[in-house]
PDB file of N, CA and C in Angstrom:
ATOM      1  N   MET A   1      92.535  66.390  89.801  1.00  0.00           N
ATOM      2  CA  MET A   1      92.232  67.768  90.107  1.00  0.00           C
ATOM      3  C   MET A   1      91.125  67.830  91.165  1.00  0.00           C
ATOM      4  N   ALA A   2      91.202  68.858  91.976  1.00  0.00           N
ATOM      5  CA  ALA A   2      90.195  69.090  93.002  1.00  0.00           C
ATOM      6  C   ALA A   2      89.362  70.301  92.595  1.00  0.00           C
ATOM      7  N   ILE A   3      88.147  70.368  93.122  1.00  0.00           N
ATOM      8  CA  ILE A   3      87.264  71.489  92.820  1.00  0.00           C
ATOM      9  C   ILE A   3      86.893  72.180  94.127  1.00  0.00           C
ATOM     10  N   GLY A   4      87.017  73.493  94.145  1.00  0.00           N
ATOM     11  CA  GLY A   4      86.686  74.286  95.317  1.00  0.00           C
ATOM     12  C   GLY A   4      85.588  75.279  95.010  1.00  0.00           C
ATOM     13  N   VAL A   5      85.081  75.890  96.068  1.00  0.00           N
ATOM     14  CA  VAL A   5      84.048  76.923  95.948  1.00  0.00           C
ATOM     15  C   VAL A   5      84.465  78.095  96.831  1.00  0.00           C
ATOM     16  N   ALA A   6      84.337  79.299  96.311  1.00  0.00           N
ATOM     17  CA  ALA A   6      84.655  80.502  97.083  1.00  0.00           C
ATOM     18  C   ALA A   6      83.559  81.533  96.889  1.00  0.00           C
ATOM     19  N   LEU A   7      83.329  82.308  97.940  1.00  0.00           N
ATOM     20  CA  LEU A   7      82.332  83.378  97.912  1.00  0.00           C
ATOM     21  C   LEU A   7      83.030  84.718  98.092  1.00  0.00           C
ATOM     22  N   ARG A   8      82.588  85.705  97.319  1.00  0.00           N
ATOM     23  CA  ARG A   8      83.049  87.081  97.475  1.00  0.00           C
ATOM     24  C   ARG A   8      81.806  87.942  97.627  1.00  0.00           C
ATOM     25  N   GLY A   9      81.684  88.570  98.778  1.00  0.00           N
ATOM     26  CA  GLY A   9      80.551  89.452  99.024  1.00  0.00           C
ATOM     27  C   GLY A   9      80.902  90.871  98.637  1.00  0.00           C
ATOM     28  N   VAL A  10      80.076  91.461  97.794  1.00  0.00           N
ATOM     29  CA  VAL A  10      80.326  92.815  97.310  1.00  0.00           C
ATOM     30  C   VAL A  10      79.294  93.749  97.946  1.00  0.00           C
ATOM     31  N   PRO A  11      79.751  94.749  98.696  1.00  0.00           N
ATOM     32  CA  PRO A  11      78.832  95.673  99.343  1.00  0.00           C
ATOM     33  C   PRO A  11      78.308  96.729  98.381  1.00  0.00           C
ATOM     34  N   ARG A  12      77.224  97.355  98.762  1.00  0.00           N
ATOM     35  CA  ARG A  12      76.663  98.445  97.954  1.00  0.00           C
ATOM     36  C   ARG A  12      77.577  99.667  97.992  1.00  0.00           C
ATOM     37  N   ASP A  13      78.116  99.944  99.160  1.00  0.00           N
ATOM     38  CA  ASP A  13      78.975 101.103  99.377  1.00  0.00           C
ATOM     39  C   ASP A  13      80.413 100.771  98.990  1.00  0.00           C
ATOM     40  N   LYS A  14      80.974 101.536  98.069  1.00  0.00           N
ATOM     41  CA  LYS A  14      82.333 101.267  97.602  1.00  0.00           C
ATOM     42  C   LYS A  14      83.378 101.457  98.696  1.00  0.00           C
ATOM     43  N   GLU A  15      83.003 102.121  99.775  1.00  0.00           N
ATOM     44  CA  GLU A  15      83.943 102.322 100.883  1.00  0.00           C
ATOM     45  C   GLU A  15      84.082 101.060 101.742  1.00  0.00           C
ATOM     46  N   GLN A  16      83.106 100.169 101.664  1.00  0.00           N
ATOM     47  CA  GLN A  16      83.146  98.924 102.427  1.00  0.00           C
ATOM     48  C   GLN A  16      84.001  97.895 101.683  1.00  0.00           C
ATOM     49  N   PRO A  17      84.745  97.073 102.395  1.00  0.00           N
ATOM     50  CA  PRO A  17      85.575  96.072 101.724  1.00  0.00           C
ATOM     51  C   PRO A  17      84.757  94.893 101.204  1.00  0.00           C
ATOM     52  N   ILE A  18      85.268  94.273 100.161  1.00  0.00           N
ATOM     53  CA  ILE A  18      84.719  93.009  99.675  1.00  0.00           C
ATOM     54  C   ILE A  18      85.167  91.923 100.644  1.00  0.00           C
ATOM     55  N   TRP A  19      84.255  91.031 101.013  1.00  0.00           N
ATOM     56  CA  TRP A  19      84.650  89.930 101.889  1.00  0.00           C
ATOM     57  C   TRP A  19      84.819  88.653 101.069  1.00  0.00           C
ATOM     58  N   PHE A  20      85.633  87.735 101.579  1.00  0.00           N
ATOM     59  CA  PHE A  20      85.982  86.508 100.860  1.00  0.00           C
ATOM     60  C   PHE A  20      86.029  85.341 101.845  1.00  0.00           C
ATOM     61  N   VAL A  21      85.511  84.203 101.399  1.00  0.00           N
ATOM     62  CA  VAL A  21      85.627  82.980 102.194  1.00  0.00           C
ATOM     63  C   VAL A  21      85.504  81.782 101.247  1.00  0.00           C
ATOM     64  N   GLU A  22      86.317  80.763 101.477  1.00  0.00           N
ATOM     65  CA  GLU A  22      86.145  79.513 100.742  1.00  0.00           C
ATOM     66  C   GLU A  22      85.078  78.693 101.454  1.00  0.00           C
ATOM     67  N   SER A  23      84.235  78.047 100.673  1.00  0.00           N
ATOM     68  CA  SER A  23      83.125  77.269 101.242  1.00  0.00           C
ATOM     69  C   SER A  23      83.097  75.888 100.597  1.00  0.00           C
ATOM     70  N   PRO A  24      84.030  75.013 100.994  1.00  0.00           N
ATOM     71  CA  PRO A  24      84.144  73.709 100.351  1.00  0.00           C
ATOM     72  C   PRO A  24      82.954  72.783 100.560  1.00  0.00           C
ATOM     73  N   TRP A  25      82.069  73.089 101.495  1.00  0.00           N
ATOM     74  CA  TRP A  25      80.893  72.240 101.708  1.00  0.00           C
ATOM     75  C   TRP A  25      79.770  72.551 100.716  1.00  0.00           C
ATOM     76  N   TRP A  26      79.837  73.685 100.007  1.00  0.00           N
ATOM     77  CA  TRP A  26      78.861  73.951  98.946  1.00  0.00           C
ATOM     78  C   TRP A  26      79.155  72.979  97.826  1.00  0.00           C
ATOM     79  N   THR A  27      78.157  72.348  97.269  1.00  0.00           N
ATOM     80  CA  THR A  27      78.331  71.263  96.306  1.00  0.00           C
ATOM     81  C   THR A  27      78.643  71.807  94.910  1.00  0.00           C
ATOM     82  N   PRO A  28      79.899  71.646  94.445  1.00  0.00           N
ATOM     83  CA  PRO A  28      80.298  72.210  93.147  1.00  0.00           C
ATOM     84  C   PRO A  28      79.449  71.718  91.973  1.00  0.00           C
ATOM     85  N   ASN A  29      79.150  70.429  91.924  1.00  0.00           N
ATOM     86  CA  ASN A  29      78.375  69.906  90.792  1.00  0.00           C
ATOM     87  C   ASN A  29      76.995  70.523  90.716  1.00  0.00           C
ATOM     88  N   GLU A  30      76.369  70.705  91.850  1.00  0.00           N
ATOM     89  CA  GLU A  30      75.049  71.334  91.885  1.00  0.00           C
ATOM     90  C   GLU A  30      75.125  72.787  91.422  1.00  0.00           C
ATOM     91  N   LEU A  31      76.172  73.478  91.828  1.00  0.00           N
ATOM     92  CA  LEU A  31      76.342  74.868  91.415  1.00  0.00           C
ATOM     93  C   LEU A  31      76.583  74.970  89.913  1.00  0.00           C
ATOM     94  N   MET A  32      77.419  74.105  89.372  1.00  0.00           N
ATOM     95  CA  MET A  32      77.737  74.158  87.951  1.00  0.00           C
ATOM     96  C   MET A  32      76.510  73.877  87.083  1.00  0.00           C
ATOM     97  N   GLU A  33      75.547  73.135  87.610  1.00  0.00           N
ATOM     98  CA  GLU A  33      74.325  72.830  86.869  1.00  0.00           C
ATOM     99  C   GLU A  33      73.264  73.921  87.019  1.00  0.00           C
ATOM    100  N   ASP A  34      73.462  74.834  87.958  1.00  0.00           N
ATOM    101  CA  ASP A  34      72.525  75.928  88.201  1.00  0.00           C
ATOM    102  C   ASP A  34      72.590  76.907  87.026  1.00  0.00           C
ATOM    103  N   ALA A  35      71.441  77.320  86.523  1.00  0.00           N
ATOM    104  CA  ALA A  35      71.368  78.206  85.351  1.00  0.00           C
ATOM    105  C   ALA A  35      72.012  79.569  85.588  1.00  0.00           C
ATOM    106  N   ARG A  36      72.205  79.953  86.833  1.00  0.00           N
ATOM    107  CA  ARG A  36      72.827  81.248  87.134  1.00  0.00           C
ATOM    108  C   ARG A  36      74.341  81.226  86.985  1.00  0.00           C
ATOM    109  N   PHE A  37      74.907  80.035  86.814  1.00  0.00           N
ATOM    110  CA  PHE A  37      76.361  79.897  86.724  1.00  0.00           C
ATOM    111  C   PHE A  37      76.793  79.731  85.281  1.00  0.00           C
ATOM    112  N   ARG A  38      77.920  80.350  84.955  1.00  0.00           N
ATOM    113  CA  ARG A  38      78.470  80.284  83.604  1.00  0.00           C
ATOM    114  C   ARG A  38      79.907  79.787  83.661  1.00  0.00           C
ATOM    115  N   GLU A  39      80.263  78.999  82.671  1.00  0.00           N
ATOM    116  CA  GLU A  39      81.648  78.549  82.571  1.00  0.00           C
ATOM    117  C   GLU A  39      82.500  79.724  82.102  1.00  0.00           C
ATOM    118  N   VAL A  40      83.585  79.936  82.773  1.00  0.00           N
ATOM    119  CA  VAL A  40      84.554  80.965  82.402  1.00  0.00           C
ATOM    120  C   VAL A  40      85.913  80.293  82.282  1.00  0.00           C
ATOM    121  N   HIS A  41      86.820  80.930  81.634  1.00  0.00           N
ATOM    122  CA  HIS A  41      88.150  80.346  81.443  1.00  0.00           C
ATOM    123  C   HIS A  41      89.187  81.249  82.110  1.00  0.00           C
ATOM    124  N   GLU A  42      89.190  81.232  83.443  1.00  0.00           N
ATOM    125  CA  GLU A  42      90.127  82.063  84.184  1.00  0.00           C
ATOM    126  C   GLU A  42      91.549  81.527  84.065  1.00  0.00           C
ATOM    127  N   VAL A  43      91.697  80.218  84.151  1.00  0.00           N
ATOM    128  CA  VAL A  43      93.009  79.584  84.037  1.00  0.00           C
ATOM    129  C   VAL A  43      92.901  78.519  82.951  1.00  0.00           C
ATOM    130  N   PRO A  44      93.639  78.668  81.856  1.00  0.00           N
ATOM    131  CA  PRO A  44      93.547  77.696  80.761  1.00  0.00           C
ATOM    132  C   PRO A  44      93.800  76.262  81.249  1.00  0.00           C
ATOM    133  N   GLY A  45      92.952  75.347  80.798  1.00  0.00           N
ATOM    134  CA  GLY A  45      93.098  73.944  81.169  1.00  0.00           C
ATOM    135  C   GLY A  45      92.393  73.545  82.453  1.00  0.00           C
ATOM    136  N   TYR A  46      91.821  74.508  83.153  1.00  0.00           N
ATOM    137  CA  TYR A  46      91.118  74.233  84.394  1.00  0.00           C
ATOM    138  C   TYR A  46      89.644  74.590  84.240  1.00  0.00           C
ATOM    139  N   LEU A  47      88.809  73.947  85.028  1.00  0.00           N
ATOM    140  CA  LEU A  47      87.368  74.149  85.015  1.00  0.00           C
ATOM    141  C   LEU A  47      87.009  75.286  85.977  1.00  0.00           C
ATOM    142  N   ASP A  48      86.342  76.316  85.474  1.00  0.00           N
ATOM    143  CA  ASP A  48      85.933  77.440  86.316  1.00  0.00           C
ATOM    144  C   ASP A  48      84.511  77.855  85.960  1.00  0.00           C
ATOM    145  N   TYR A  49      83.682  78.051  86.980  1.00  0.00           N
ATOM    146  CA  TYR A  49      82.319  78.557  86.811  1.00  0.00           C
ATOM    147  C   TYR A  49      82.130  79.727  87.768  1.00  0.00           C
ATOM    148  N   VAL A  50      81.298  80.682  87.363  1.00  0.00           N
ATOM    149  CA  VAL A  50      81.012  81.828  88.209  1.00  0.00           C
ATOM    150  C   VAL A  50      79.522  82.125  88.150  1.00  0.00           C
ATOM    151  N   GLY A  51      78.966  82.439  89.312  1.00  0.00           N
ATOM    152  CA  GLY A  51      77.586  82.883  89.404  1.00  0.00           C
ATOM    153  C   GLY A  51      77.527  84.147  90.243  1.00  0.00           C
ATOM    154  N   VAL A  52      76.668  85.074  89.852  1.00  0.00           N
ATOM    155  CA  VAL A  52      76.468  86.303  90.615  1.00  0.00           C
ATOM    156  C   VAL A  52      75.065  86.240  91.205  1.00  0.00           C
ATOM    157  N   LEU A  53      75.004  86.261  92.535  1.00  0.00           N
ATOM    158  CA  LEU A  53      73.736  86.107  93.246  1.00  0.00           C
ATOM    159  C   LEU A  53      73.362  87.387  93.980  1.00  0.00           C
ATOM    160  N   THR A  54      72.073  87.677  94.000  1.00  0.00           N
ATOM    161  CA  THR A  54      71.584  88.763  94.842  1.00  0.00           C
ATOM    162  C   THR A  54      71.718  88.329  96.296  1.00  0.00           C
ATOM    163  N   LEU A  55      71.548  89.258  97.202  1.00  0.00           N
ATOM    164  CA  LEU A  55      71.598  88.927  98.623  1.00  0.00           C
ATOM    165  C   LEU A  55      70.561  87.853  98.953  1.00  0.00           C
ATOM    166  N   GLU A  56      69.355  87.988  98.420  1.00  0.00           N
ATOM    167  CA  GLU A  56      68.292  87.020  98.705  1.00  0.00           C
ATOM    168  C   GLU A  56      68.635  85.638  98.147  1.00  0.00           C
ATOM    169  N   GLU A  57      69.185  85.590  96.935  1.00  0.00           N
ATOM    170  CA  GLU A  57      69.587  84.307  96.345  1.00  0.00           C
ATOM    171  C   GLU A  57      70.715  83.672  97.148  1.00  0.00           C
ATOM    172  N   ALA A  58      71.666  84.492  97.589  1.00  0.00           N
ATOM    173  CA  ALA A  58      72.787  83.979  98.385  1.00  0.00           C
ATOM    174  C   ALA A  58      72.291  83.434  99.730  1.00  0.00           C
ATOM    175  N   LEU A  59      71.359  84.128 100.357  1.00  0.00           N
ATOM    176  CA  LEU A  59      70.779  83.649 101.618  1.00  0.00           C
ATOM    177  C   LEU A  59      70.111  82.293 101.433  1.00  0.00           C
ATOM    178  N   ALA A  60      69.337  82.152 100.352  1.00  0.00           N
ATOM    179  CA  ALA A  60      68.651  80.880 100.090  1.00  0.00           C
ATOM    180  C   ALA A  60      69.650  79.762  99.816  1.00  0.00           C
ATOM    181  N   MET A  61      70.694  80.058  99.058  1.00  0.00           N
ATOM    182  CA  MET A  61      71.682  79.032  98.742  1.00  0.00           C
ATOM    183  C   MET A  61      72.478  78.652  99.987  1.00  0.00           C
ATOM    184  N   HIS A  62      72.831  79.648 100.785  1.00  0.00           N
ATOM    185  CA  HIS A  62      73.563  79.374 102.030  1.00  0.00           C
ATOM    186  C   HIS A  62      72.713  78.503 102.954  1.00  0.00           C
ATOM    187  N   GLU A  63      71.436  78.792 103.033  1.00  0.00           N
ATOM    188  CA  GLU A  63      70.544  77.987 103.871  1.00  0.00           C
ATOM    189  C   GLU A  63      70.508  76.534 103.393  1.00  0.00           C
ATOM    190  N   ARG A  64      70.519  76.338 102.079  1.00  0.00           N
ATOM    191  CA  ARG A  64      70.490  74.987 101.519  1.00  0.00           C
ATOM    192  C   ARG A  64      71.755  74.198 101.877  1.00  0.00           C
ATOM    193  N   PHE A  65      72.906  74.864 101.863  1.00  0.00           N
ATOM    194  CA  PHE A  65      74.178  74.173 102.103  1.00  0.00           C
ATOM    195  C   PHE A  65      74.690  74.293 103.535  1.00  0.00           C
ATOM    196  N   ARG A  66      74.114  75.140 104.340  1.00  0.00           N
ATOM    197  CA  ARG A  66      74.626  75.503 105.661  1.00  0.00           C
ATOM    198  C   ARG A  66      74.969  74.309 106.552  1.00  0.00           C
ATOM    199  N   GLU A  67      74.062  73.387 106.710  1.00  0.00           N
ATOM    200  CA  GLU A  67      74.261  72.253 107.619  1.00  0.00           C
ATOM    201  C   GLU A  67      75.495  71.419 107.253  1.00  0.00           C
ATOM    202  N   GLY A  68      75.791  71.319 105.953  1.00  0.00           N
ATOM    203  CA  GLY A  68      76.930  70.523 105.516  1.00  0.00           C
ATOM    204  C   GLY A  68      78.277  71.057 105.967  1.00  0.00           C
ATOM    205  N   GLY A  69      78.338  72.318 106.363  1.00  0.00           N
ATOM    206  CA  GLY A  69      79.602  72.900 106.780  1.00  0.00           C
ATOM    207  C   GLY A  69      79.812  72.982 108.274  1.00  0.00           C
ATOM    208  N   LEU A  70      78.800  72.675 109.047  1.00  0.00           N
ATOM    209  CA  LEU A  70      78.887  72.900 110.486  1.00  0.00           C
ATOM    210  C   LEU A  70      79.891  71.999 111.203  1.00  0.00           C
ATOM    211  N   ASP A  71      80.090  70.776 110.734  1.00  0.00           N
ATOM    212  CA  ASP A  71      81.017  69.873 111.424  1.00  0.00           C
ATOM    213  C   ASP A  71      82.471  70.319 111.307  1.00  0.00           C
ATOM    214  N   LEU A  72      82.916  70.638 110.106  1.00  0.00           N
ATOM    215  CA  LEU A  72      84.326  70.946 109.882  1.00  0.00           C
ATOM    216  C   LEU A  72      84.629  72.431 109.735  1.00  0.00           C
ATOM    217  N   TRP A  73      83.657  73.226 109.304  1.00  0.00           N
ATOM    218  CA  TRP A  73      83.914  74.626 108.978  1.00  0.00           C
ATOM    219  C   TRP A  73      82.945  75.561 109.682  1.00  0.00           C
ATOM    220  N   GLU A  74      82.644  75.279 110.927  1.00  0.00           N
ATOM    221  CA  GLU A  74      81.650  76.065 111.648  1.00  0.00           C
ATOM    222  C   GLU A  74      81.985  77.555 111.649  1.00  0.00           C
ATOM    223  N   HIS A  75      83.261  77.909 111.849  1.00  0.00           N
ATOM    224  CA  HIS A  75      83.633  79.327 111.882  1.00  0.00           C
ATOM    225  C   HIS A  75      83.395  80.006 110.532  1.00  0.00           C
ATOM    226  N   ARG A  76      83.567  79.262 109.424  1.00  0.00           N
ATOM    227  CA  ARG A  76      83.298  79.830 108.105  1.00  0.00           C
ATOM    228  C   ARG A  76      81.792  79.987 107.878  1.00  0.00           C
ATOM    229  N   VAL A  77      81.024  79.005 108.323  1.00  0.00           N
ATOM    230  CA  VAL A  77      79.560  79.092 108.212  1.00  0.00           C
ATOM    231  C   VAL A  77      79.062  80.308 108.985  1.00  0.00           C
ATOM    232  N   GLU A  78      79.564  80.503 110.179  1.00  0.00           N
ATOM    233  CA  GLU A  78      79.154  81.637 111.006  1.00  0.00           C
ATOM    234  C   GLU A  78      79.585  82.961 110.378  1.00  0.00           C
ATOM    235  N   PHE A  79      80.743  82.980 109.730  1.00  0.00           N
ATOM    236  CA  PHE A  79      81.208  84.177 109.032  1.00  0.00           C
ATOM    237  C   PHE A  79      80.220  84.553 107.923  1.00  0.00           C
ATOM    238  N   ILE A  80      79.794  83.555 107.131  1.00  0.00           N
ATOM    239  CA  ILE A  80      78.818  83.806 106.065  1.00  0.00           C
ATOM    240  C   ILE A  80      77.487  84.238 106.668  1.00  0.00           C
ATOM    241  N   ASP A  81      77.051  83.560 107.750  1.00  0.00           N
ATOM    242  CA  ASP A  81      75.825  83.963 108.452  1.00  0.00           C
ATOM    243  C   ASP A  81      75.870  85.454 108.784  1.00  0.00           C
ATOM    244  N   GLU A  82      76.973  85.872 109.374  1.00  0.00           N
ATOM    245  CA  GLU A  82      77.135  87.255 109.822  1.00  0.00           C
ATOM    246  C   GLU A  82      77.094  88.231 108.647  1.00  0.00           C
ATOM    247  N   LYS A  83      77.822  87.924 107.595  1.00  0.00           N
ATOM    248  CA  LYS A  83      77.899  88.836 106.451  1.00  0.00           C
ATOM    249  C   LYS A  83      76.553  88.958 105.738  1.00  0.00           C
ATOM    250  N   LEU A  84      75.854  87.854 105.572  1.00  0.00           N
ATOM    251  CA  LEU A  84      74.565  87.894 104.882  1.00  0.00           C
ATOM    252  C   LEU A  84      73.481  88.516 105.749  1.00  0.00           C
ATOM    253  N   ALA A  85      73.543  88.287 107.052  1.00  0.00           N
ATOM    254  CA  ALA A  85      72.539  88.847 107.961  1.00  0.00           C
ATOM    255  C   ALA A  85      72.686  90.362 108.120  1.00  0.00           C
ATOM    256  N   ALA A  86      73.867  90.886 107.845  1.00  0.00           N
ATOM    257  CA  ALA A  86      74.109  92.325 107.994  1.00  0.00           C
ATOM    258  C   ALA A  86      73.366  93.142 106.940  1.00  0.00           C
ATOM    259  N   GLY A  87      72.882  92.471 105.903  1.00  0.00           N
ATOM    260  CA  GLY A  87      72.066  93.148 104.911  1.00  0.00           C
ATOM    261  C   GLY A  87      72.850  93.780 103.783  1.00  0.00           C
ATOM    262  N   ILE A  88      72.126  94.574 103.021  1.00  0.00           N
ATOM    263  CA  ILE A  88      72.638  95.104 101.761  1.00  0.00           C
ATOM    264  C   ILE A  88      73.820  96.057 101.945  1.00  0.00           C
ATOM    265  N   GLU A  89      73.948  96.673 103.097  1.00  0.00           N
ATOM    266  CA  GLU A  89      75.091  97.558 103.325  1.00  0.00           C
ATOM    267  C   GLU A  89      76.406  96.777 103.287  1.00  0.00           C
ATOM    268  N   VAL A  90      76.390  95.557 103.778  1.00  0.00           N
ATOM    269  CA  VAL A  90      77.595  94.732 103.820  1.00  0.00           C
ATOM    270  C   VAL A  90      77.674  93.797 102.616  1.00  0.00           C
ATOM    271  N   THR A  91      76.529  93.347 102.120  1.00  0.00           N
ATOM    272  CA  THR A  91      76.516  92.418 100.989  1.00  0.00           C
ATOM    273  C   THR A  91      75.376  92.769 100.040  1.00  0.00           C
ATOM    274  N   CYS A  92      75.712  93.403  98.950  1.00  0.00           N
ATOM    275  CA  CYS A  92      74.720  93.737  97.931  1.00  0.00           C
ATOM    276  C   CYS A  92      74.495  92.535  97.013  1.00  0.00           C
ATOM    277  N   TYR A  93      75.595  91.883  96.651  1.00  0.00           N
ATOM    278  CA  TYR A  93      75.514  90.636  95.894  1.00  0.00           C
ATOM    279  C   TYR A  93      76.727  89.769  96.194  1.00  0.00           C
ATOM    280  N   VAL A  94      76.648  88.504  95.838  1.00  0.00           N
ATOM    281  CA  VAL A  94      77.711  87.541  96.128  1.00  0.00           C
ATOM    282  C   VAL A  94      78.158  86.894  94.821  1.00  0.00           C
ATOM    283  N   ILE A  95      79.454  86.935  94.593  1.00  0.00           N
ATOM    284  CA  ILE A  95      80.049  86.243  93.450  1.00  0.00           C
ATOM    285  C   ILE A  95      80.508  84.882  93.955  1.00  0.00           C
ATOM    286  N   VAL A  96      79.959  83.826  93.372  1.00  0.00           N
ATOM    287  CA  VAL A  96      80.314  82.463  93.767  1.00  0.00           C
ATOM    288  C   VAL A  96      81.183  81.878  92.659  1.00  0.00           C
ATOM    289  N   SER A  97      82.383  81.445  93.019  1.00  0.00           N
ATOM    290  CA  SER A  97      83.313  80.848  92.058  1.00  0.00           C
ATOM    291  C   SER A  97      83.473  79.370  92.350  1.00  0.00           C
ATOM    292  N   VAL A  98      83.335  78.575  91.317  1.00  0.00           N
ATOM    293  CA  VAL A  98      83.634  77.146  91.388  1.00  0.00           C
ATOM    294  C   VAL A  98      84.901  76.988  90.557  1.00  0.00           C
ATOM    295  N   PHE A  99      85.955  76.476  91.181  1.00  0.00           N
ATOM    296  CA  PHE A  99      87.240  76.459  90.494  1.00  0.00           C
ATOM    297  C   PHE A  99      87.964  75.134  90.673  1.00  0.00           C
ATOM    298  N   GLU A 100      88.638  74.733  89.645  1.00  0.00           N
ATOM    299  CA  GLU A 100      89.449  73.522  89.677  1.00  0.00           C
ATOM    300  C   GLU A 100      90.870  73.937  90.052  1.00  0.00           C
ATOM    301  N   TRP A 101      91.522  73.146  90.885  1.00  0.00           N
ATOM    302  CA  TRP A 101      92.878  73.451  91.285  1.00  0.00           C
ATOM    303  C   TRP A 101      93.689  72.167  91.401  1.00  0.00           C
ATOM    304  N   GLU A 102      94.965  72.304  91.325  1.00  0.00           N
ATOM    305  CA  GLU A 102      95.879  71.157  91.381  1.00  0.00           C
ATOM    306  C   GLU A 102      96.117  70.803  92.840  1.00  0.00           C
ATOM    307  N   SER A 103      95.655  69.638  93.249  1.00  0.00           N
ATOM    308  CA  SER A 103      95.782  69.215  94.633  1.00  0.00           C
ATOM    309  C   SER A 103      97.112  68.531  94.917  1.00  0.00           C
ATOM    310  N   GLY A 104      97.808  68.112  93.891  1.00  0.00           N
ATOM    311  CA  GLY A 104      99.069  67.414  94.095  1.00  0.00           C
ATOM    312  C   GLY A 104      98.905  65.929  94.333  1.00  0.00           C
ATOM    313  N   LEU A 105      97.670  65.448  94.325  1.00  0.00           N
ATOM    314  CA  LEU A 105      97.432  64.021  94.554  1.00  0.00           C
ATOM    315  C   LEU A 105      97.392  63.254  93.265  1.00  0.00           C
TER     316      LEU A 105
END
């Protein structure tokens, strides 16, 4: 099984869309050990964790992992940069999902 990480940015204004991006360079094991993350059972038999971060917490976490994504996922890193830099109107909080999926390998 493979483990992925995805971010969903939730805006303060309900008229604004939720944004989504997968961020495979964020370290799943480190996230799962973070006290802000809880194990959930979204898909039976698979490992799933979810954390809800404030804008400030998401900015700090993105800064910690940012460099690891620049080689292969620069456009995704820049997308997160843009969404978080836009402030609370675009991102009030970020839902971070760590999920196990069947890779076929």
